[in-house]
Each structure stands twice: as C-alpha cells, then as structure tokens.
C-alpha cells in the first residue's frame, strides 16, 4: 500500500481486549523486541559498549529502538538520541538496522475501528522524516475508516498544514494536533501543538471501545 514507506497511525479509545487487534499488537510487540535484540547483538559484536542488559534496564518494559538509541548516548557513542537514528547507527537501512513486522496501514485502520477506536494518520506530511505517501493513499485509508489527519505538528510547515486541512475537509476527516512529545528524547515541548476542542469532542463521540476518564 505504502510502497515501503513506514506510516504512523494514532489509535484513540479502542478496546485493547478486542481479539483481532489484541493478536496483532502481540505480534508487533514480539517483533519489536526481537528487532531491538538483533540490533544490540550487532552492536555488541562490534564492541560498541552497548549490551542487551543495559537496553532492557533503560526500557523497563517492552524494548524498542529508542531504548537502543538511549544506550548509545549513555555509551558516549552519540550526543543525542536523534543522532543515533542515522545510517552510521540504527537509522533506517543503517549499519545496525534490523527489519520488523509491520501492518499494512489499511489493515491497521480496520483493526482500530473494529475495536471501537478512532484512527488518525500521524504527521502525514513530515518530509523531514523521509518519504511520505500521496493523497491517493489517504483516500484509501479514509475509505477503510480513517477518522482524521494530524495537521498541527512540529514537522509540518504552514503550507503543509493548509494543504492537509483542505484534504481533511474534502474527505470529511477530523484535523487534529499533537506535540508528539517523547520525554527528553526530543526537544519538542509537551502541549506545543494541541487538538481543537471540537475535534477532541468528535473523537470522544465516535469512540465505542473505551471511555475518557475524567477527574
């Protein structure tokens, strides 16, 4: 569907116990851990100073590529987490890169909606991250049940945001926002970009898999 382009899908208020989605998530988690371990074993073979024990401790749970990057920072091999995501290290296709199991995006949208969730395409125009898909792919995703596009994002300039808003209007999709905050792994601030209250209320209203918990 996406011609080898990795896409990020946001899933809001789904039922985590729904059998089809739960099975797919288990497979993805298992692949994620195996992929991280493969990367670490390659790093260990080159005596980089990163071990599986260190990476596991940093994760404190399911291990992923960001934890390998954190270990590279701790080992003094790179200055920041972002510097680890390069061809020299664990960037896509890089020296210590390993493939992972990935869902087709249309299948992912259907799984999320089938579990009562609301699916939103994350940072669809983030060209800084690599190749992006065309509007034709977004249209197919919309036909499969996609509910929205993440428009207000740090990696979208104003022209990109305007184009995405027009596309969302054309397809009847919600326009959302997000800081894409990842703790100290990124310089972006928590709450730097927000979802409009109207769009938030629409997400809550559409969801049937879970409810919002308020204080």
N, C-alpha and C. Protein backbone atom coordinates (compact mmCIF):
# COMPACT_ATOMS: atom_id res chain seq x y z
N UNK A 1 0.82 -1.19 0.00
CA UNK A 1 0.00 0.00 0.00
C UNK A 1 0.86 1.25 0.00
N UNK A 2 1.86 1.29 0.90
CA UNK A 2 2.66 2.50 1.04
C UNK A 2 4.03 2.38 0.40
N UNK A 3 4.23 1.38 -0.43
CA UNK A 3 5.46 1.22 -1.20
C UNK A 3 6.70 1.29 -0.33
N UNK A 4 6.67 0.58 0.81
CA UNK A 4 7.84 0.55 1.67
C UNK A 4 8.00 1.75 2.57
N UNK A 5 7.03 2.64 2.60
CA UNK A 5 7.09 3.83 3.46
C UNK A 5 6.45 3.49 4.80
N UNK A 6 7.17 3.75 5.88
CA UNK A 6 6.64 3.47 7.21
C UNK A 6 5.71 4.61 7.64
N UNK A 7 4.49 4.26 8.03
CA UNK A 7 3.50 5.24 8.46
C UNK A 7 3.18 5.05 9.93
N UNK A 8 2.82 6.13 10.60
CA UNK A 8 2.43 6.07 12.00
C UNK A 8 0.93 6.33 12.10
N UNK A 9 0.24 5.46 12.83
CA UNK A 9 -1.20 5.59 12.99
C UNK A 9 -1.52 5.77 14.47
N UNK A 10 -2.27 6.81 14.79
CA UNK A 10 -2.71 7.06 16.15
C UNK A 10 -4.04 6.35 16.37
N UNK A 11 -4.16 5.64 17.48
CA UNK A 11 -5.39 4.90 17.78
C UNK A 11 -5.93 5.39 19.12
N UNK A 12 -7.10 6.01 19.09
CA UNK A 12 -7.69 6.58 20.29
C UNK A 12 -8.88 5.77 20.77
N UNK A 13 -8.92 5.52 22.08
CA UNK A 13 -10.10 4.98 22.76
C UNK A 13 -10.61 3.67 22.16
N UNK A 14 -9.70 2.76 21.85
CA UNK A 14 -10.07 1.43 21.36
C UNK A 14 -10.16 0.46 22.53
N UNK A 15 -10.78 -0.68 22.28
CA UNK A 15 -10.88 -1.73 23.28
C UNK A 15 -9.64 -2.62 23.15
N UNK A 16 -8.71 -2.56 24.11
CA UNK A 16 -7.47 -3.35 23.99
C UNK A 16 -7.68 -4.85 24.06
N UNK A 17 -8.85 -5.27 24.52
CA UNK A 17 -9.12 -6.71 24.62
C UNK A 17 -9.80 -7.26 23.38
N UNK A 18 -10.12 -6.43 22.41
CA UNK A 18 -10.76 -6.92 21.19
C UNK A 18 -9.81 -7.93 20.54
N UNK A 19 -10.26 -9.16 20.27
CA UNK A 19 -9.36 -10.25 19.89
C UNK A 19 -8.47 -9.98 18.67
N UNK A 20 -9.02 -9.47 17.59
CA UNK A 20 -8.21 -9.28 16.38
C UNK A 20 -7.11 -8.25 16.60
N UNK A 21 -7.46 -7.14 17.21
CA UNK A 21 -6.46 -6.09 17.47
C UNK A 21 -5.44 -6.56 18.50
N UNK A 22 -5.91 -7.23 19.55
CA UNK A 22 -5.00 -7.72 20.59
C UNK A 22 -3.97 -8.68 20.01
N UNK A 23 -4.41 -9.56 19.11
CA UNK A 23 -3.49 -10.51 18.49
C UNK A 23 -2.45 -9.80 17.63
N UNK A 24 -2.90 -8.80 16.87
CA UNK A 24 -1.97 -8.05 16.02
C UNK A 24 -0.96 -7.28 16.86
N UNK A 25 -1.40 -6.72 17.97
CA UNK A 25 -0.49 -5.97 18.84
C UNK A 25 0.54 -6.88 19.50
N UNK A 26 0.12 -8.08 19.87
CA UNK A 26 1.07 -9.05 20.44
C UNK A 26 2.16 -9.38 19.44
N UNK A 27 1.77 -9.59 18.20
CA UNK A 27 2.75 -9.91 17.17
C UNK A 27 3.71 -8.75 16.96
N UNK A 28 3.19 -7.53 16.96
CA UNK A 28 4.04 -6.36 16.77
C UNK A 28 5.01 -6.17 17.93
N UNK A 29 4.54 -6.39 19.16
CA UNK A 29 5.41 -6.25 20.33
C UNK A 29 6.53 -7.29 20.29
N UNK A 30 6.18 -8.52 19.94
CA UNK A 30 7.19 -9.58 19.86
C UNK A 30 8.24 -9.23 18.81
N UNK A 31 7.79 -8.74 17.66
CA UNK A 31 8.71 -8.34 16.60
C UNK A 31 9.58 -7.19 17.04
N UNK A 32 9.00 -6.24 17.76
CA UNK A 32 9.73 -5.06 18.22
C UNK A 32 10.89 -5.46 19.13
N UNK A 33 10.61 -6.38 20.05
CA UNK A 33 11.65 -6.82 20.97
C UNK A 33 12.74 -7.59 20.23
N UNK A 34 12.32 -8.49 19.34
CA UNK A 34 13.30 -9.27 18.59
C UNK A 34 14.17 -8.40 17.71
N UNK A 35 13.57 -7.39 17.13
CA UNK A 35 14.33 -6.47 16.29
C UNK A 35 15.36 -5.71 17.12
N UNK A 36 14.95 -5.21 18.28
CA UNK A 36 15.88 -4.47 19.15
C UNK A 36 17.03 -5.36 19.59
N UNK A 37 16.72 -6.62 19.91
CA UNK A 37 17.77 -7.54 20.34
C UNK A 37 18.76 -7.81 19.21
N UNK A 38 18.26 -7.93 17.99
CA UNK A 38 19.15 -8.13 16.84
C UNK A 38 20.09 -6.95 16.68
N UNK A 39 19.56 -5.74 16.82
CA UNK A 39 20.39 -4.54 16.71
C UNK A 39 21.47 -4.53 17.80
N UNK A 40 21.06 -4.86 19.02
CA UNK A 40 22.01 -4.85 20.13
C UNK A 40 23.09 -5.90 19.94
N UNK A 41 22.73 -7.07 19.45
CA UNK A 41 23.73 -8.12 19.23
C UNK A 41 24.76 -7.66 18.19
N UNK A 42 24.31 -6.95 17.18
CA UNK A 42 25.26 -6.42 16.18
C UNK A 42 26.18 -5.38 16.80
N UNK A 43 25.62 -4.55 17.66
CA UNK A 43 26.44 -3.55 18.35
C UNK A 43 27.44 -4.21 19.29
N UNK A 44 26.99 -5.26 19.98
CA UNK A 44 27.89 -5.99 20.88
C UNK A 44 29.03 -6.63 20.11
N UNK A 45 28.72 -7.14 18.93
CA UNK A 45 29.75 -7.80 18.12
C UNK A 45 30.84 -6.81 17.71
N UNK A 46 30.48 -5.53 17.59
CA UNK A 46 31.46 -4.51 17.22
C UNK A 46 32.03 -3.79 18.44
N UNK A 47 31.73 -4.33 19.63
CA UNK A 47 32.28 -3.80 20.88
C UNK A 47 32.03 -2.30 21.02
N UNK A 48 30.79 -1.92 20.79
CA UNK A 48 30.40 -0.51 20.86
C UNK A 48 30.21 -0.03 22.29
N UNK A 49 29.96 -0.97 23.21
CA UNK A 49 29.74 -0.57 24.60
C UNK A 49 28.27 -0.57 24.98
N UNK A 50 27.45 -1.24 24.18
CA UNK A 50 26.01 -1.36 24.45
C UNK A 50 25.69 -2.83 24.63
N UNK A 51 24.97 -3.17 25.68
CA UNK A 51 24.60 -4.56 25.94
C UNK A 51 23.08 -4.67 26.05
N UNK A 52 22.59 -5.90 25.88
CA UNK A 52 21.16 -6.14 25.99
C UNK A 52 20.66 -5.85 27.40
N UNK A 53 21.48 -6.15 28.39
CA UNK A 53 21.10 -5.90 29.77
C UNK A 53 20.90 -4.40 30.01
N UNK A 54 21.79 -3.58 29.45
CA UNK A 54 21.66 -2.12 29.59
C UNK A 54 20.39 -1.61 28.92
N UNK A 55 20.14 -2.08 27.72
CA UNK A 55 18.98 -1.61 26.96
C UNK A 55 17.69 -2.05 27.66
N UNK A 56 17.65 -3.27 28.16
CA UNK A 56 16.47 -3.77 28.86
C UNK A 56 16.18 -2.94 30.11
N UNK A 57 17.25 -2.56 30.82
CA UNK A 57 17.09 -1.75 32.02
C UNK A 57 16.55 -0.36 31.68
N UNK A 58 17.02 0.20 30.58
CA UNK A 58 16.54 1.52 30.16
C UNK A 58 15.07 1.48 29.79
N UNK A 59 14.64 0.37 29.18
CA UNK A 59 13.25 0.26 28.74
C UNK A 59 12.31 0.08 29.92
N UNK A 60 12.68 -0.78 30.83
CA UNK A 60 11.80 -1.04 31.96
C UNK A 60 10.51 -1.73 31.54
N UNK A 61 10.49 -2.30 30.35
CA UNK A 61 9.30 -2.94 29.79
C UNK A 61 9.62 -3.43 28.40
N UNK A 62 8.68 -3.22 27.46
CA UNK A 62 8.91 -3.64 26.09
C UNK A 62 10.02 -2.81 25.46
N UNK A 63 11.07 -3.47 24.98
CA UNK A 63 12.23 -2.79 24.42
C UNK A 63 11.95 -2.39 22.97
N UNK A 64 12.39 -1.19 22.61
CA UNK A 64 12.25 -0.71 21.24
C UNK A 64 13.50 0.03 20.81
N UNK A 65 13.49 0.48 19.59
CA UNK A 65 14.65 1.17 19.02
C UNK A 65 15.06 2.41 19.81
N UNK A 66 14.12 3.20 20.34
CA UNK A 66 14.53 4.37 21.13
C UNK A 66 15.40 4.01 22.33
N UNK A 67 15.18 2.83 22.90
CA UNK A 67 15.99 2.43 24.06
C UNK A 67 17.41 2.06 23.62
N UNK A 68 17.53 1.52 22.42
CA UNK A 68 18.87 1.26 21.88
C UNK A 68 19.58 2.59 21.67
N UNK A 69 18.85 3.58 21.19
CA UNK A 69 19.43 4.91 20.98
C UNK A 69 19.88 5.51 22.31
N UNK A 70 19.06 5.35 23.35
CA UNK A 70 19.43 5.86 24.67
C UNK A 70 20.71 5.21 25.18
N UNK A 71 20.86 3.92 24.90
CA UNK A 71 22.07 3.21 25.33
C UNK A 71 23.30 3.71 24.59
N UNK A 72 23.12 4.07 23.32
CA UNK A 72 24.23 4.63 22.56
C UNK A 72 24.65 5.98 23.12
N UNK A 73 23.68 6.76 23.59
CA UNK A 73 24.00 8.04 24.23
C UNK A 73 24.77 7.77 25.52
N UNK A 74 24.27 6.84 26.33
CA UNK A 74 24.91 6.51 27.60
C UNK A 74 26.33 6.01 27.41
N UNK A 75 26.56 5.31 26.28
CA UNK A 75 27.89 4.78 25.99
C UNK A 75 28.83 5.85 25.41
N UNK A 76 28.29 7.04 25.16
CA UNK A 76 29.11 8.12 24.62
C UNK A 76 29.38 8.01 23.13
N UNK A 77 28.60 7.17 22.45
CA UNK A 77 28.81 6.98 21.02
C UNK A 77 28.14 8.06 20.19
N UNK A 78 27.03 8.61 20.70
CA UNK A 78 26.34 9.71 20.05
C UNK A 78 25.97 10.73 21.12
N UNK A 79 25.76 11.97 20.68
CA UNK A 79 25.47 13.04 21.64
C UNK A 79 24.01 13.06 22.06
N UNK A 80 23.12 12.72 21.14
CA UNK A 80 21.68 12.76 21.43
C UNK A 80 21.01 11.52 20.87
N UNK A 81 19.79 11.27 21.32
CA UNK A 81 19.01 10.15 20.79
C UNK A 81 18.81 10.29 19.29
N UNK A 82 18.54 11.52 18.85
CA UNK A 82 18.34 11.76 17.43
C UNK A 82 19.56 11.39 16.60
N UNK A 83 20.74 11.58 17.17
CA UNK A 83 21.97 11.27 16.43
C UNK A 83 22.15 9.78 16.20
N UNK A 84 21.43 8.97 16.95
CA UNK A 84 21.53 7.51 16.77
C UNK A 84 20.74 7.04 15.55
N UNK A 85 19.74 7.85 15.14
CA UNK A 85 18.88 7.45 14.02
C UNK A 85 19.49 7.93 12.70
N UNK A 86 20.68 7.45 12.42
CA UNK A 86 21.43 7.80 11.21
C UNK A 86 21.95 6.53 10.56
N UNK A 87 22.39 6.61 9.30
CA UNK A 87 22.92 5.42 8.62
C UNK A 87 24.10 4.77 9.34
N UNK A 88 24.86 5.57 10.07
CA UNK A 88 26.01 5.03 10.79
C UNK A 88 25.60 4.12 11.94
N UNK A 89 24.40 4.37 12.45
CA UNK A 89 23.96 3.62 13.62
C UNK A 89 22.67 2.85 13.34
N UNK A 90 21.53 3.28 13.91
CA UNK A 90 20.31 2.48 13.82
C UNK A 90 19.22 3.17 12.99
N UNK A 91 19.62 4.12 12.14
CA UNK A 91 18.66 4.73 11.24
C UNK A 91 18.17 3.73 10.21
N UNK A 92 17.08 4.06 9.53
CA UNK A 92 16.51 3.16 8.53
C UNK A 92 17.55 2.73 7.50
N UNK A 93 17.76 1.43 7.40
CA UNK A 93 18.74 0.89 6.48
C UNK A 93 20.17 1.09 6.92
N UNK A 94 20.36 1.53 8.15
CA UNK A 94 21.70 1.83 8.65
C UNK A 94 22.53 0.59 8.99
N UNK A 95 23.74 0.85 9.47
CA UNK A 95 24.70 -0.23 9.74
C UNK A 95 24.15 -1.24 10.75
N UNK A 96 23.41 -0.77 11.75
CA UNK A 96 22.89 -1.66 12.78
C UNK A 96 21.36 -1.76 12.73
N UNK A 97 20.82 -1.53 11.57
CA UNK A 97 19.37 -1.59 11.36
C UNK A 97 18.89 -3.03 11.25
N UNK A 98 17.69 -3.29 11.72
CA UNK A 98 17.04 -4.59 11.54
C UNK A 98 15.58 -4.35 11.20
N UNK A 99 15.04 -5.16 10.31
CA UNK A 99 13.65 -5.02 9.91
C UNK A 99 12.72 -5.47 11.03
N UNK A 100 11.44 -5.10 10.89
CA UNK A 100 10.44 -5.52 11.85
C UNK A 100 9.15 -5.86 11.11
N UNK A 101 8.27 -6.56 11.79
CA UNK A 101 6.95 -6.84 11.24
C UNK A 101 6.13 -5.56 11.26
N UNK A 102 5.48 -5.25 10.15
CA UNK A 102 4.64 -4.06 10.09
C UNK A 102 3.29 -4.40 9.47
N UNK A 103 2.26 -3.79 10.00
CA UNK A 103 0.92 -3.96 9.45
C UNK A 103 0.74 -3.08 8.21
N UNK A 104 -0.02 -3.56 7.24
CA UNK A 104 -0.46 -2.69 6.18
C UNK A 104 -1.36 -1.63 6.80
N UNK A 105 -1.21 -0.39 6.39
CA UNK A 105 -1.91 0.71 7.05
C UNK A 105 -3.42 0.57 6.95
N UNK A 106 -3.92 0.06 5.83
CA UNK A 106 -5.37 -0.12 5.70
C UNK A 106 -5.86 -1.18 6.68
N UNK A 107 -5.10 -2.27 6.83
CA UNK A 107 -5.46 -3.30 7.80
C UNK A 107 -5.44 -2.71 9.22
N UNK A 108 -4.46 -1.86 9.49
CA UNK A 108 -4.35 -1.25 10.81
C UNK A 108 -5.56 -0.36 11.11
N UNK A 109 -5.96 0.44 10.12
CA UNK A 109 -7.14 1.29 10.30
C UNK A 109 -8.36 0.44 10.61
N UNK A 110 -8.53 -0.64 9.87
CA UNK A 110 -9.70 -1.50 10.07
C UNK A 110 -9.67 -2.19 11.44
N UNK A 111 -8.48 -2.57 11.90
CA UNK A 111 -8.37 -3.19 13.21
C UNK A 111 -8.74 -2.21 14.32
N UNK A 112 -8.26 -0.99 14.21
CA UNK A 112 -8.55 0.02 15.23
C UNK A 112 -10.05 0.33 15.27
N UNK A 113 -10.63 0.57 14.11
CA UNK A 113 -12.06 0.88 14.07
C UNK A 113 -12.89 -0.33 14.49
N UNK A 114 -12.43 -1.52 14.15
CA UNK A 114 -13.14 -2.73 14.55
C UNK A 114 -13.12 -2.94 16.04
N UNK A 115 -12.15 -2.33 16.71
CA UNK A 115 -12.07 -2.41 18.17
C UNK A 115 -12.72 -1.19 18.82
N UNK A 116 -13.52 -0.46 18.04
CA UNK A 116 -14.24 0.68 18.59
C UNK A 116 -13.40 1.92 18.74
N UNK A 117 -12.20 1.93 18.15
CA UNK A 117 -11.31 3.08 18.29
C UNK A 117 -11.45 4.08 17.16
N UNK A 118 -10.72 5.17 17.29
CA UNK A 118 -10.71 6.24 16.30
C UNK A 118 -9.29 6.35 15.76
N UNK A 119 -9.13 6.14 14.45
CA UNK A 119 -7.80 6.12 13.82
C UNK A 119 -7.48 7.46 13.18
N UNK A 120 -6.30 7.98 13.50
CA UNK A 120 -5.83 9.26 12.95
C UNK A 120 -4.44 9.05 12.37
N UNK A 121 -4.22 9.52 11.16
CA UNK A 121 -2.93 9.40 10.48
C UNK A 121 -1.97 10.44 11.04
N UNK A 122 -0.88 9.98 11.66
CA UNK A 122 0.07 10.87 12.31
C UNK A 122 1.01 11.53 11.30
N UNK A 123 1.30 12.81 11.53
CA UNK A 123 2.23 13.63 10.74
C UNK A 123 2.36 13.16 9.29
N UNK A 124 1.29 13.21 8.51
CA UNK A 124 1.30 12.68 7.14
C UNK A 124 2.17 13.45 6.16
N UNK A 125 2.58 14.67 6.51
CA UNK A 125 3.41 15.46 5.59
C UNK A 125 4.78 15.77 6.18
N UNK A 126 5.26 14.90 7.06
CA UNK A 126 6.54 15.13 7.73
C UNK A 126 7.70 14.70 6.82
N UNK A 127 7.99 15.51 5.82
CA UNK A 127 9.02 15.16 4.84
C UNK A 127 10.41 15.11 5.47
N UNK A 128 10.59 15.76 6.63
CA UNK A 128 11.89 15.70 7.31
C UNK A 128 12.25 14.27 7.72
N UNK A 129 11.24 13.45 7.86
CA UNK A 129 11.45 12.08 8.32
C UNK A 129 11.71 11.11 7.18
N UNK A 130 11.54 11.56 5.96
CA UNK A 130 11.72 10.69 4.80
C UNK A 130 10.56 10.81 3.85
N UNK A 131 10.36 9.78 3.06
CA UNK A 131 9.29 9.80 2.06
C UNK A 131 7.92 9.78 2.72
N UNK A 132 6.98 10.46 2.09
CA UNK A 132 5.60 10.46 2.56
C UNK A 132 4.70 9.92 1.45
N UNK A 133 3.48 9.52 1.82
CA UNK A 133 2.55 8.99 0.83
C UNK A 133 1.70 10.11 0.24
N UNK A 134 1.12 9.83 -0.91
CA UNK A 134 0.30 10.81 -1.59
C UNK A 134 -1.14 10.82 -1.09
N UNK A 135 -1.90 11.77 -1.60
CA UNK A 135 -3.30 11.89 -1.20
C UNK A 135 -4.11 10.66 -1.58
N UNK A 136 -3.65 9.94 -2.61
CA UNK A 136 -4.38 8.75 -3.03
C UNK A 136 -4.40 7.70 -1.92
N UNK A 137 -3.30 7.58 -1.20
CA UNK A 137 -3.23 6.63 -0.09
C UNK A 137 -4.14 7.08 1.04
N UNK A 138 -4.15 8.37 1.32
CA UNK A 138 -5.03 8.90 2.37
C UNK A 138 -6.49 8.62 2.03
N UNK A 139 -6.84 8.74 0.76
CA UNK A 139 -8.22 8.47 0.34
C UNK A 139 -8.60 7.00 0.59
N UNK A 140 -7.67 6.10 0.30
CA UNK A 140 -7.93 4.68 0.55
C UNK A 140 -8.07 4.43 2.05
N UNK A 141 -7.23 5.08 2.85
CA UNK A 141 -7.33 4.95 4.30
C UNK A 141 -8.67 5.47 4.80
N UNK A 142 -9.12 6.59 4.22
CA UNK A 142 -10.41 7.15 4.61
C UNK A 142 -11.55 6.19 4.30
N UNK A 143 -11.46 5.53 3.15
CA UNK A 143 -12.48 4.56 2.77
C UNK A 143 -12.51 3.38 3.73
N UNK A 144 -11.35 3.08 4.35
CA UNK A 144 -11.26 1.96 5.28
C UNK A 144 -11.71 2.34 6.69
N UNK A 145 -11.96 3.63 6.92
CA UNK A 145 -12.45 4.05 8.24
C UNK A 145 -11.58 5.06 8.95
N UNK A 146 -10.54 5.58 8.30
CA UNK A 146 -9.71 6.61 8.93
C UNK A 146 -10.60 7.78 9.35
N UNK A 147 -10.36 8.29 10.56
CA UNK A 147 -11.20 9.36 11.09
C UNK A 147 -10.56 10.74 10.99
N UNK A 148 -9.23 10.80 10.94
CA UNK A 148 -8.62 12.13 10.96
C UNK A 148 -7.19 12.17 10.48
N UNK A 149 -6.71 13.39 10.29
CA UNK A 149 -5.32 13.67 9.94
C UNK A 149 -4.70 14.54 11.02
N UNK A 150 -3.50 14.20 11.45
CA UNK A 150 -2.78 15.03 12.40
C UNK A 150 -2.15 16.19 11.61
N UNK A 151 -2.74 17.35 11.73
CA UNK A 151 -2.35 18.50 10.92
C UNK A 151 -1.31 19.38 11.62
N UNK A 152 -1.64 19.78 12.84
CA UNK A 152 -0.75 20.68 13.58
C UNK A 152 0.34 19.88 14.29
N UNK A 153 1.50 19.84 13.66
CA UNK A 153 2.61 19.01 14.14
C UNK A 153 3.91 19.76 13.89
N UNK A 154 4.88 19.53 14.73
CA UNK A 154 6.15 20.24 14.65
C UNK A 154 6.85 20.07 13.31
N UNK A 155 6.63 18.94 12.64
CA UNK A 155 7.28 18.66 11.36
C UNK A 155 6.48 19.13 10.15
N UNK A 156 5.41 19.88 10.38
CA UNK A 156 4.61 20.43 9.29
C UNK A 156 4.76 21.95 9.24
N UNK A 157 5.19 22.47 8.08
CA UNK A 157 5.20 23.93 7.95
C UNK A 157 3.79 24.41 7.61
N UNK A 158 3.61 25.72 7.53
CA UNK A 158 2.27 26.26 7.32
C UNK A 158 1.64 25.84 6.00
N UNK A 159 2.38 25.86 4.88
CA UNK A 159 1.78 25.38 3.63
C UNK A 159 1.30 23.93 3.74
N UNK A 160 2.07 23.08 4.41
CA UNK A 160 1.67 21.68 4.57
C UNK A 160 0.40 21.59 5.41
N UNK A 161 0.30 22.41 6.43
CA UNK A 161 -0.90 22.38 7.28
C UNK A 161 -2.13 22.83 6.51
N UNK A 162 -1.97 23.84 5.71
CA UNK A 162 -3.10 24.32 4.91
C UNK A 162 -3.56 23.24 3.92
N UNK A 163 -2.58 22.57 3.29
CA UNK A 163 -2.93 21.52 2.32
C UNK A 163 -3.65 20.37 3.02
N UNK A 164 -3.17 20.00 4.20
CA UNK A 164 -3.79 18.89 4.93
C UNK A 164 -5.19 19.25 5.40
N UNK A 165 -5.40 20.51 5.78
CA UNK A 165 -6.75 20.92 6.20
C UNK A 165 -7.72 20.83 5.02
N UNK A 166 -7.25 21.23 3.85
CA UNK A 166 -8.11 21.13 2.66
C UNK A 166 -8.44 19.67 2.36
N UNK A 167 -7.43 18.80 2.49
CA UNK A 167 -7.66 17.38 2.23
C UNK A 167 -8.62 16.79 3.26
N UNK A 168 -8.45 17.17 4.53
CA UNK A 168 -9.35 16.68 5.57
C UNK A 168 -10.78 17.13 5.30
N UNK A 169 -10.95 18.38 4.90
CA UNK A 169 -12.29 18.88 4.57
C UNK A 169 -12.89 18.10 3.40
N UNK A 170 -12.06 17.85 2.39
CA UNK A 170 -12.53 17.13 1.20
C UNK A 170 -13.02 15.74 1.54
N UNK A 171 -12.31 15.07 2.45
CA UNK A 171 -12.60 13.67 2.77
C UNK A 171 -13.49 13.51 4.00
N UNK A 172 -13.88 14.63 4.61
CA UNK A 172 -14.70 14.55 5.80
C UNK A 172 -13.97 14.02 7.02
N UNK A 173 -12.68 14.33 7.12
CA UNK A 173 -11.85 13.86 8.22
C UNK A 173 -11.64 14.95 9.26
N UNK A 174 -11.36 14.54 10.48
CA UNK A 174 -11.02 15.49 11.53
C UNK A 174 -9.59 15.98 11.34
N UNK A 175 -9.32 17.21 11.73
CA UNK A 175 -7.96 17.76 11.74
C UNK A 175 -7.52 17.86 13.20
N UNK A 176 -6.48 17.14 13.56
CA UNK A 176 -6.03 17.12 14.95
C UNK A 176 -4.64 17.74 15.08
N UNK A 177 -4.20 17.89 16.32
CA UNK A 177 -2.86 18.41 16.59
C UNK A 177 -2.20 17.60 17.68
N UNK A 178 -0.89 17.68 17.76
CA UNK A 178 -0.16 16.93 18.77
C UNK A 178 1.24 17.48 18.92
N UNK A 179 1.75 17.49 20.13
CA UNK A 179 3.14 17.88 20.34
C UNK A 179 4.08 16.75 19.93
N UNK A 180 3.58 15.50 19.88
CA UNK A 180 4.41 14.33 19.62
C UNK A 180 5.53 14.26 20.66
N UNK A 181 5.16 14.52 21.88
CA UNK A 181 6.12 14.58 22.99
C UNK A 181 6.63 13.19 23.35
N UNK A 182 7.95 13.04 23.42
CA UNK A 182 8.58 11.77 23.77
C UNK A 182 9.53 11.95 24.94
N UNK A 183 9.14 12.73 25.92
CA UNK A 183 10.01 12.98 27.05
C UNK A 183 11.27 13.72 26.63
N UNK A 184 12.38 13.37 27.26
CA UNK A 184 13.64 14.05 26.97
C UNK A 184 14.29 13.56 25.69
N UNK A 185 13.65 12.58 25.02
CA UNK A 185 14.22 12.07 23.77
C UNK A 185 14.13 13.10 22.65
N UNK A 186 13.21 14.06 22.79
CA UNK A 186 13.04 15.08 21.77
C UNK A 186 13.03 16.45 22.43
N UNK A 187 13.31 17.46 21.64
CA UNK A 187 13.33 18.83 22.17
C UNK A 187 11.94 19.45 22.17
N UNK A 188 10.98 18.84 21.49
CA UNK A 188 9.63 19.39 21.43
C UNK A 188 9.01 19.43 22.82
N UNK A 189 8.25 20.47 23.10
CA UNK A 189 7.65 20.64 24.41
C UNK A 189 6.28 19.97 24.49
N UNK A 190 5.94 19.49 25.65
CA UNK A 190 4.62 18.91 25.89
C UNK A 190 3.56 20.00 25.69
N UNK A 191 2.55 19.70 24.87
CA UNK A 191 1.49 20.66 24.63
C UNK A 191 1.83 21.75 23.63
N UNK A 192 2.91 21.57 22.89
CA UNK A 192 3.32 22.59 21.92
C UNK A 192 2.29 22.77 20.81
N UNK A 193 1.63 21.66 20.44
CA UNK A 193 0.54 21.71 19.46
C UNK A 193 -0.64 20.93 20.04
N UNK A 194 -1.81 21.51 19.93
CA UNK A 194 -2.99 20.91 20.55
C UNK A 194 -4.07 20.58 19.53
N UNK A 195 -4.95 19.70 19.92
CA UNK A 195 -6.13 19.38 19.11
C UNK A 195 -7.25 20.32 19.50
N UNK A 196 -7.91 20.88 18.50
CA UNK A 196 -9.04 21.76 18.74
C UNK A 196 -10.10 21.03 19.57
N UNK A 197 -10.74 21.76 20.47
CA UNK A 197 -11.72 21.14 21.37
C UNK A 197 -12.85 20.46 20.61
N UNK A 198 -13.26 21.06 19.49
CA UNK A 198 -14.33 20.46 18.70
C UNK A 198 -13.91 19.11 18.14
N UNK A 199 -12.67 19.03 17.64
CA UNK A 199 -12.16 17.76 17.10
C UNK A 199 -12.02 16.73 18.22
N UNK A 200 -11.57 17.17 19.38
CA UNK A 200 -11.45 16.27 20.53
C UNK A 200 -12.81 15.68 20.89
N UNK A 201 -13.82 16.53 20.94
CA UNK A 201 -15.16 16.06 21.30
C UNK A 201 -15.69 15.08 20.25
N UNK A 202 -15.34 15.32 18.99
CA UNK A 202 -15.77 14.41 17.92
C UNK A 202 -15.11 13.04 18.07
N UNK A 203 -13.84 13.02 18.45
CA UNK A 203 -13.13 11.76 18.68
C UNK A 203 -13.81 10.98 19.79
N UNK A 204 -14.09 11.66 20.90
CA UNK A 204 -14.72 11.00 22.05
C UNK A 204 -16.10 10.47 21.66
N UNK A 205 -16.85 11.25 20.89
CA UNK A 205 -18.20 10.85 20.50
C UNK A 205 -18.19 9.64 19.58
N UNK A 206 -17.16 9.52 18.73
CA UNK A 206 -17.09 8.41 17.77
C UNK A 206 -16.63 7.11 18.40
N UNK A 207 -15.85 7.20 19.45
CA UNK A 207 -15.26 6.01 20.05
C UNK A 207 -16.30 5.17 20.78
N UNK A 208 -16.22 3.87 20.60
CA UNK A 208 -17.09 2.94 21.32
C UNK A 208 -16.29 1.89 22.08
N UNK A 209 -14.96 1.90 21.91
CA UNK A 209 -14.14 0.87 22.54
C UNK A 209 -13.75 1.17 23.95
N UNK A 210 -13.67 2.45 24.29
CA UNK A 210 -13.27 2.86 25.63
C UNK A 210 -13.83 4.25 25.89
N UNK A 211 -13.86 4.63 27.14
CA UNK A 211 -14.37 5.94 27.52
C UNK A 211 -13.26 6.79 28.11
N UNK A 212 -13.40 8.10 27.98
CA UNK A 212 -12.46 9.03 28.57
C UNK A 212 -12.67 9.05 30.09
N UNK A 213 -11.58 8.97 30.83
CA UNK A 213 -11.66 9.03 32.29
C UNK A 213 -11.33 10.45 32.72
N UNK A 214 -12.23 11.07 33.42
CA UNK A 214 -12.01 12.44 33.89
C UNK A 214 -11.95 12.47 35.41
N UNK A 215 -11.23 13.46 35.92
CA UNK A 215 -11.08 13.58 37.38
C UNK A 215 -12.36 14.10 38.01
